[in-house]
Amino acid sequence: MRHPAHNDRGGEQGGQSVDHENGGGATRRKFMQLLGALGLGGQFLLRPRDLLAAVSETAGAPGRDPSWPEMSYRTLGRTGHRASRLIFGCGAALRKGRRDELLNTALAAGVNVFDIGTRRYYPDSERNLAPFLKRNRDQIFLISKGILELDEKPKKVLSLQQQKEAAASWLEMLDESLADLGVDHVDAYYMMAVNNPTLVTSEEMYRAFQSAKAAGKVRFFGFSSHLNAQNVLDAAIGTGWYDLAMLAVTPAGWYDWNDGGVLENTPDLVALQPLLARARAAGIGLIGMKAGRVLASREWYGKGNSKAFDGFYDEKLLKSGLSDFQRSYAYVLAHGLDAVNADIQSEAHLKQNFVAAATSHQHFA
């Protein structure tokens, strides 16, 4: 589904570490490698912001304004990867064609995690990402995912046969993804849109992951959840198997995929802190999504409420100058999320998301 034009940003509170490193030599090497690929070469001995401007002018991307801030980074659980707090969600953006200029600009600016998904959900997107990956695979943390159709009823206990079929299907989608992406491995491969705890506790699914890992096809195991996320995450924590979880969550609590709003009777994000802390203690890197979806006007859900979360914000955030969408993502990242996955559809959208992710820590004590 197409996301609204929303913005992402980061920040920490409550004794959690804040990572503001700018990537140092690794970041500069990435810029210089990209400059070489664009024919700019070593004549540029510039700061990262100037490099971004040079890349943008050559690639036709939005970074001509040298005021782009340095990206903030956070370690994603036990993966050990120092991830940009903005993750580029490629699935919807690449369905209709390549967007190399947008991807190049994001990478040059410091975004180092790119997320996509199976052709069975995002037709052609992985194929359209492949040329970018061919040039830059060693510089990014690559996530893809396979969607399983067996968990439509969150409380249903799946049979052993259903679990075996799901595991076989997931492995099949992983092979399809590798072929479409033109790579020999992904850093993480998720079970996509998991709503049923039976799947995250399935030994059949875990054995499938282990076999793929042993074959060198994937390094880390994860899942995404848009519905029943609290129960799914709680079950995943108990297994000790998972490295990453991508969760649909808002400042007011869990997002409801069925109606595009906030789940009825959900705990708010402050009340969810103990659960998120348990996940982090279990080594799970936490990635947010859908934090601002409730704010947007959407033809299939009716008119959005742009001020839906203002009651959760303090005066500093309300007066920060961030947009409604930026505030929602800033708040989520300030309350336990390591990064936010954003669907980025345009050059302006990329810059807004980037600035928000890189500077959000400034709005929290």
Protein backbone atom coordinates (compact mmCIF):
# COMPACT_ATOMS: atom_id res chain seq x y z
CA MET A 1 0.00 0.00 0.00
CA ARG A 2 1.11 3.55 -0.66
CA HIS A 3 2.11 5.49 2.42
CA PRO A 4 1.18 9.14 2.86
CA ALA A 5 3.92 11.73 2.66
CA HIS A 6 5.08 11.49 6.25
CA ASN A 7 8.39 12.20 7.95
CA ASP A 8 10.62 10.19 10.28
CA ARG A 9 13.10 11.15 12.95
CA GLY A 10 14.87 9.84 16.04
CA GLY A 11 15.59 10.57 19.70
CA GLU A 12 16.08 8.78 23.03
CA GLN A 13 14.97 9.14 26.58
CA GLY A 14 14.86 7.34 29.87
CA GLY A 15 18.54 6.39 30.11
CA GLN A 16 18.71 4.85 26.65
CA SER A 17 21.81 5.63 24.62
CA VAL A 18 21.68 8.15 21.79
CA ASP A 19 23.99 7.51 18.86
CA HIS A 20 24.92 10.65 16.94
CA GLU A 21 28.05 9.36 15.21
CA ASN A 22 28.31 10.48 11.61
CA GLY A 23 29.83 7.31 10.24
CA GLY A 24 33.42 8.61 10.26
CA GLY A 25 35.74 7.08 7.72
CA ALA A 26 33.18 4.55 6.55
CA THR A 27 30.73 7.29 5.66
CA ARG A 28 33.39 9.25 3.80
CA ARG A 29 34.45 6.12 1.89
CA LYS A 30 30.85 5.58 0.83
CA PHE A 31 30.63 9.14 -0.45
CA MET A 32 33.90 8.85 -2.33
CA GLN A 33 32.94 5.51 -3.88
CA LEU A 34 29.65 6.94 -5.03
CA LEU A 35 31.39 10.00 -6.44
CA GLY A 36 33.67 7.71 -8.41
CA ALA A 37 30.70 5.80 -9.78
CA LEU A 38 29.16 9.11 -10.84
CA GLY A 39 32.36 10.24 -12.53
CA LEU A 40 33.19 12.96 -9.99
CA GLY A 41 36.35 11.24 -8.82
CA GLY A 42 39.01 12.30 -6.36
CA GLN A 43 39.10 15.95 -7.30
CA PHE A 44 36.45 16.43 -4.63
CA LEU A 45 37.98 16.60 -1.16
CA LEU A 46 34.81 17.78 0.48
CA ARG A 47 32.85 17.49 3.66
CA PRO A 48 29.90 15.02 3.61
CA ARG A 49 27.37 17.82 3.14
CA ASP A 50 29.31 19.17 0.15
CA LEU A 51 29.63 15.66 -1.20
CA LEU A 52 25.89 15.25 -0.95
CA ALA A 53 25.40 18.45 -2.90
CA ALA A 54 27.81 17.23 -5.60
CA VAL A 55 26.13 13.85 -5.81
CA SER A 56 22.72 15.46 -5.99
CA GLU A 57 23.66 17.79 -8.81
CA THR A 58 25.03 14.88 -10.84
CA ALA A 59 22.30 12.37 -10.04
CA GLY A 60 19.37 14.77 -10.26
CA ALA A 61 18.47 14.21 -6.60
CA PRO A 62 17.32 16.74 -4.00
CA GLY A 63 20.42 17.39 -1.90
CA ARG A 64 21.63 20.67 -3.45
CA ASP A 65 21.00 22.39 -0.14
CA PRO A 66 24.19 21.69 1.89
CA SER A 67 22.27 22.11 5.14
CA TRP A 68 21.40 18.42 5.36
CA PRO A 69 22.44 17.31 8.88
CA GLU A 70 24.56 14.30 9.76
CA MET A 71 22.54 11.11 10.13
CA SER A 72 22.11 9.54 13.58
CA TYR A 73 22.80 5.83 14.08
CA ARG A 74 21.71 3.09 16.46
CA THR A 75 22.77 -0.55 16.87
CA LEU A 76 20.03 -2.94 15.74
CA GLY A 77 19.86 -5.48 18.55
CA ARG A 78 22.25 -8.38 18.37
CA THR A 79 22.87 -7.87 14.66
CA GLY A 80 25.57 -5.43 15.74
CA HIS A 81 24.82 -3.24 12.72
CA ARG A 82 25.01 0.51 13.31
CA ALA A 83 21.89 1.45 11.43
CA SER A 84 20.76 4.83 10.22
CA ARG A 85 17.66 5.73 12.18
CA LEU A 86 15.90 6.24 8.87
CA ILE A 87 15.40 3.03 6.88
CA PHE A 88 14.57 3.41 3.20
CA GLY A 89 11.42 1.38 2.50
CA CYS A 90 11.77 0.50 -1.19
CA GLY A 91 8.76 -1.74 -1.80
CA ALA A 92 6.12 0.73 -2.93
CA ALA A 93 8.61 3.25 -4.33
CA LEU A 94 10.09 0.77 -6.82
CA ARG A 95 6.95 -1.03 -7.99
CA LYS A 96 6.74 0.97 -11.21
CA GLY A 97 10.40 1.36 -12.06
CA ARG A 98 13.93 2.13 -10.95
CA ARG A 99 14.66 5.14 -8.73
CA ASP A 100 18.44 5.01 -8.66
CA GLU A 101 18.85 8.77 -8.25
CA LEU A 102 16.78 8.69 -5.06
CA LEU A 103 18.57 5.63 -3.71
CA ASN A 104 21.98 7.12 -4.53
CA THR A 105 21.19 10.31 -2.67
CA ALA A 106 19.96 8.45 0.40
CA LEU A 107 23.07 6.27 0.49
CA ALA A 108 25.43 9.19 0.00
CA ALA A 109 23.71 11.09 2.80
CA GLY A 110 24.20 8.25 5.27
CA VAL A 111 21.16 5.97 5.01
CA ASN A 112 22.60 2.47 5.27
CA VAL A 113 19.56 0.18 5.66
CA PHE A 114 17.28 -0.59 2.70
CA ASP A 115 14.12 -2.66 3.09
CA ILE A 116 12.08 -4.35 0.37
CA GLY A 117 9.83 -7.40 -0.04
CA THR A 118 8.83 -10.37 -2.15
CA ARG A 119 7.49 -10.00 -5.70
CA ARG A 120 4.32 -11.67 -4.39
CA TYR A 121 3.48 -8.42 -2.60
CA TYR A 122 5.61 -5.81 -4.40
CA PRO A 123 5.69 -6.83 -8.07
CA ASP A 124 9.00 -5.93 -9.77
CA SER A 125 10.33 -3.94 -6.79
CA GLU A 126 13.20 -6.29 -6.01
CA ARG A 127 14.19 -6.43 -9.67
CA ASN A 128 14.18 -2.63 -9.79
CA LEU A 129 16.46 -2.47 -6.76
CA ALA A 130 18.97 -4.94 -8.26
CA PRO A 131 21.07 -2.45 -10.33
CA PHE A 132 21.57 -0.22 -7.27
CA LEU A 133 22.57 -3.26 -5.21
CA LYS A 134 25.06 -4.40 -7.83
CA ARG A 135 27.01 -1.19 -7.28
CA ASN A 136 26.54 -0.82 -3.53
CA ARG A 137 25.83 -4.18 -1.92
CA ASP A 138 28.78 -4.08 0.47
CA GLN A 139 27.77 -0.66 1.83
CA ILE A 140 24.26 -1.44 3.03
CA PHE A 141 22.29 -3.66 5.38
CA LEU A 142 19.71 -5.31 3.11
CA ILE A 143 16.34 -6.52 4.41
CA SER A 144 13.67 -8.34 2.44
CA LYS A 145 10.68 -10.39 3.47
CA GLY A 146 8.27 -13.11 2.42
CA ILE A 147 4.54 -12.87 3.09
CA LEU A 148 2.68 -15.85 4.54
CA GLU A 149 -1.07 -16.17 4.08
CA LEU A 150 -1.78 -18.66 6.87
CA ASP A 151 -2.28 -16.32 9.81
CA GLU A 152 -5.43 -14.40 8.86
CA LYS A 153 -7.07 -15.28 12.18
CA PRO A 154 -4.72 -14.10 14.93
CA LYS A 155 -6.04 -16.51 17.58
CA LYS A 156 -6.12 -19.61 15.41
CA VAL A 157 -3.61 -22.33 16.30
CA LEU A 158 -1.97 -23.44 13.07
CA SER A 159 -1.57 -27.15 12.47
CA LEU A 160 1.83 -28.75 12.04
CA GLN A 161 1.06 -29.26 8.35
CA GLN A 162 0.20 -25.58 7.93
CA GLN A 163 3.46 -24.63 9.65
CA LYS A 164 5.45 -26.92 7.34
CA GLU A 165 3.75 -25.41 4.30
CA ALA A 166 4.49 -21.91 5.59
CA ALA A 167 8.16 -22.76 6.13
CA ALA A 168 8.49 -24.23 2.64
CA SER A 169 6.78 -21.18 1.11
CA TRP A 170 9.04 -18.79 3.03
CA LEU A 171 12.16 -20.58 1.76
CA GLU A 172 10.78 -20.48 -1.76
CA MET A 173 10.20 -16.73 -1.50
CA LEU A 174 13.71 -16.23 -0.13
CA ASP A 175 15.16 -17.91 -3.22
CA GLU A 176 12.94 -15.77 -5.45
CA SER A 177 14.08 -12.64 -3.64
CA LEU A 178 17.76 -13.51 -4.02
CA ALA A 179 17.27 -14.10 -7.74
CA ASP A 180 15.29 -10.89 -8.26
CA LEU A 181 17.74 -8.82 -6.21
CA GLY A 182 20.74 -10.32 -7.96
CA VAL A 183 22.54 -11.10 -4.68
CA ASP A 184 23.74 -14.27 -2.99
CA HIS A 185 22.42 -13.29 0.43
CA VAL A 186 20.34 -10.77 2.33
CA ASP A 187 21.27 -9.51 5.76
CA ALA A 188 17.80 -10.21 7.13
CA TYR A 189 14.73 -11.95 5.77
CA TYR A 190 11.44 -11.41 7.60
CA MET A 191 8.19 -13.22 7.91
CA MET A 192 6.01 -10.39 6.60
CA ALA A 193 2.75 -9.23 8.23
CA VAL A 194 2.68 -11.87 10.96
CA ASN A 195 -0.51 -11.65 12.99
CA ASN A 196 -0.54 -15.12 14.54
CA PRO A 197 1.77 -16.03 17.46
CA THR A 198 1.80 -19.64 16.22
CA LEU A 199 4.07 -18.58 13.36
CA VAL A 200 6.70 -16.83 15.46
CA THR A 201 6.84 -19.80 17.84
CA SER A 202 6.89 -22.40 15.07
CA GLU A 203 9.94 -24.66 15.17
CA GLU A 204 9.29 -25.40 11.49
CA MET A 205 9.80 -21.73 10.66
CA TYR A 206 12.93 -21.50 12.79
CA ARG A 207 14.41 -24.61 11.20
CA ALA A 208 13.74 -23.07 7.79
CA PHE A 209 15.68 -19.98 8.83
CA GLN A 210 18.53 -22.06 10.22
CA SER A 211 18.81 -24.02 6.99
CA ALA A 212 18.87 -20.80 4.94
CA LYS A 213 21.49 -19.30 7.25
CA ALA A 214 23.66 -22.42 7.01
CA ALA A 215 23.46 -22.13 3.22
CA GLY A 216 24.72 -18.53 3.40
CA LYS A 217 21.48 -17.02 2.10
CA VAL A 218 20.56 -14.94 5.16
CA ARG A 219 22.25 -13.73 8.33
CA PHE A 220 19.42 -12.61 10.63
CA PHE A 221 15.82 -13.61 11.35
CA GLY A 222 12.96 -11.16 11.77
CA PHE A 223 9.28 -10.45 11.31
CA SER A 224 6.91 -7.58 10.69
CA SER A 225 3.49 -7.24 12.32
CA HIS A 226 0.63 -4.87 11.52
CA LEU A 227 -2.08 -6.49 13.65
CA ASN A 228 -1.99 -8.30 17.00
CA ALA A 229 1.56 -7.00 17.29
CA GLN A 230 1.65 -7.04 21.09
CA ASN A 231 0.92 -10.75 21.31
CA VAL A 232 3.19 -11.56 18.40
CA LEU A 233 6.11 -9.62 19.90
CA ASP A 234 5.54 -11.15 23.34
CA ALA A 235 5.61 -14.64 21.82
CA ALA A 236 8.74 -13.85 19.80
CA ILE A 237 10.60 -12.63 22.88
CA GLY A 238 9.97 -15.97 24.57
CA THR A 239 11.65 -17.96 21.79
CA GLY A 240 15.02 -16.21 21.83
CA TRP A 241 15.20 -16.71 18.04
CA TYR A 242 14.63 -13.26 16.62
CA ASP A 243 17.10 -10.52 15.73
CA LEU A 244 14.68 -7.90 14.34
CA ALA A 245 11.02 -6.92 14.63
CA MET A 246 9.23 -4.27 12.57
CA LEU A 247 6.08 -3.12 14.32
CA ALA A 248 3.12 -0.91 13.38
CA VAL A 249 2.96 1.43 16.37
CA THR A 250 1.92 5.03 17.05
CA PRO A 251 2.32 7.46 19.96
CA ALA A 252 -1.14 6.36 21.11
CA GLY A 253 -0.27 2.65 20.94
CA TRP A 254 -0.69 -0.12 18.39
CA TYR A 255 -1.84 0.68 14.88
CA ASP A 256 -4.95 -1.16 13.63
CA TRP A 257 -4.39 -2.43 10.09
CA ASN A 258 -8.08 -3.26 9.67
CA ASP A 259 -9.39 0.30 9.92
CA GLY A 260 -6.28 2.46 9.57
CA GLY A 261 -6.62 3.88 13.08
CA VAL A 262 -5.30 3.20 16.55
CA LEU A 263 -6.23 -0.21 17.94
CA GLU A 264 -9.15 -0.01 20.35
CA ASN A 265 -8.15 -0.31 24.02
CA THR A 266 -4.43 -0.37 23.15
CA PRO A 267 -1.91 0.67 25.80
CA ASP A 268 -0.23 3.89 24.74
CA LEU A 269 3.46 3.93 23.91
CA VAL A 270 4.51 4.91 27.43
CA ALA A 271 2.60 1.93 28.83
CA LEU A 272 4.28 -0.33 26.24
CA GLN A 273 7.77 0.50 27.50
CA PRO A 274 8.18 -2.66 29.63
CA LEU A 275 7.34 -4.88 26.64
CA LEU A 276 9.76 -3.01 24.37
CA ALA A 277 12.46 -3.16 27.05
CA ARG A 278 12.01 -6.94 27.26
CA ALA A 279 12.41 -7.18 23.50
CA ARG A 280 15.62 -5.15 23.59
CA ALA A 281 16.93 -7.29 26.46
CA ALA A 282 16.26 -10.34 24.28
CA GLY A 283 18.52 -8.86 21.59
CA ILE A 284 15.76 -7.79 19.22
CA GLY A 285 16.31 -4.64 17.17
CA LEU A 286 13.04 -2.69 17.04
CA ILE A 287 11.93 -0.90 13.88
CA GLY A 288 8.78 1.20 13.72
CA MET A 289 6.32 1.68 10.89
CA LYS A 290 2.90 3.31 10.43
CA ALA A 291 3.58 5.81 13.23
CA GLY A 292 1.93 8.66 11.32
CA ARG A 293 -0.54 6.78 9.15
CA VAL A 294 -3.49 7.75 11.37
CA LEU A 295 -2.83 11.44 10.67
CA ALA A 296 -3.30 11.23 6.93
CA SER A 297 -6.44 11.62 4.87
CA ARG A 298 -6.94 8.35 3.01
CA GLU A 299 -9.70 7.67 0.54
CA TRP A 300 -10.30 4.15 1.82
CA TYR A 301 -10.27 5.11 5.52
CA GLY A 302 -11.88 8.55 5.43
CA LYS A 303 -10.46 11.84 6.62
CA GLY A 304 -7.42 11.64 8.88
CA ASN A 305 -6.94 13.58 12.10
CA SER A 306 -3.71 15.56 11.87
CA LYS A 307 -3.80 16.44 15.58
CA ALA A 308 -4.63 12.94 16.87
CA PHE A 309 -1.44 12.61 18.93
CA ASP A 310 -0.93 16.16 20.19
CA GLY A 311 -2.16 15.21 23.67
CA PHE A 312 0.86 12.92 24.07
CA TYR A 313 3.44 15.64 23.36
CA ASP A 314 5.11 18.12 25.66
CA GLU A 315 5.46 21.81 24.85
CA LYS A 316 8.99 21.40 23.55
CA LEU A 317 7.91 18.95 20.89
CA LEU A 318 4.78 20.90 20.01
CA LYS A 319 6.88 24.04 19.47
CA SER A 320 9.72 22.24 17.72
CA GLY A 321 8.75 23.30 14.21
CA LEU A 322 8.32 19.69 13.13
CA SER A 323 5.25 18.80 11.10
CA ASP A 324 2.48 16.62 12.53
CA PHE A 325 3.95 13.57 10.84
CA GLN A 326 7.48 14.39 11.96
CA ARG A 327 6.33 14.74 15.56
CA SER A 328 4.68 11.32 15.52
CA TYR A 329 7.85 9.66 14.34
CA ALA A 330 10.04 11.67 16.70
CA TYR A 331 7.92 10.53 19.61
CA VAL A 332 8.02 6.87 18.59
CA LEU A 333 11.78 6.93 18.19
CA ALA A 334 12.09 8.63 21.57
CA HIS A 335 10.19 5.79 23.19
CA GLY A 336 12.06 2.62 22.39
CA LEU A 337 12.30 2.25 18.61
CA ASP A 338 15.78 1.93 17.14
CA ALA A 339 14.80 3.09 13.65
CA VAL A 340 11.79 3.86 11.50
CA ASN A 341 11.10 2.33 8.09
CA ALA A 342 9.70 5.00 5.79
CA ASP A 343 8.17 4.53 2.36
CA ILE A 344 9.97 7.21 0.36
CA GLN A 345 8.26 8.19 -2.87
CA SER A 346 9.87 11.47 -3.90
CA GLU A 347 12.92 13.66 -3.56
CA ALA A 348 11.17 16.10 -1.24
CA HIS A 349 9.91 13.21 0.85
CA LEU A 350 13.44 11.85 1.22
CA LYS A 351 14.81 15.15 2.46
CA GLN A 352 11.98 15.65 4.94
CA ASN A 353 12.40 12.13 6.31
CA PHE A 354 16.15 12.44 6.45
CA VAL A 355 16.19 15.75 8.30
CA ALA A 356 13.62 14.49 10.78
CA ALA A 357 15.47 11.24 11.51
CA ALA A 358 18.81 12.95 11.88
CA THR A 359 17.69 15.75 14.23
CA SER A 360 14.85 14.37 16.33
CA HIS A 361 17.06 13.79 19.39
CA GLN A 362 17.27 17.57 19.68
CA HIS A 363 13.62 17.70 20.73
CA PHE A 364 13.90 15.45 23.80
CA ALA A 365 15.71 15.84 27.12
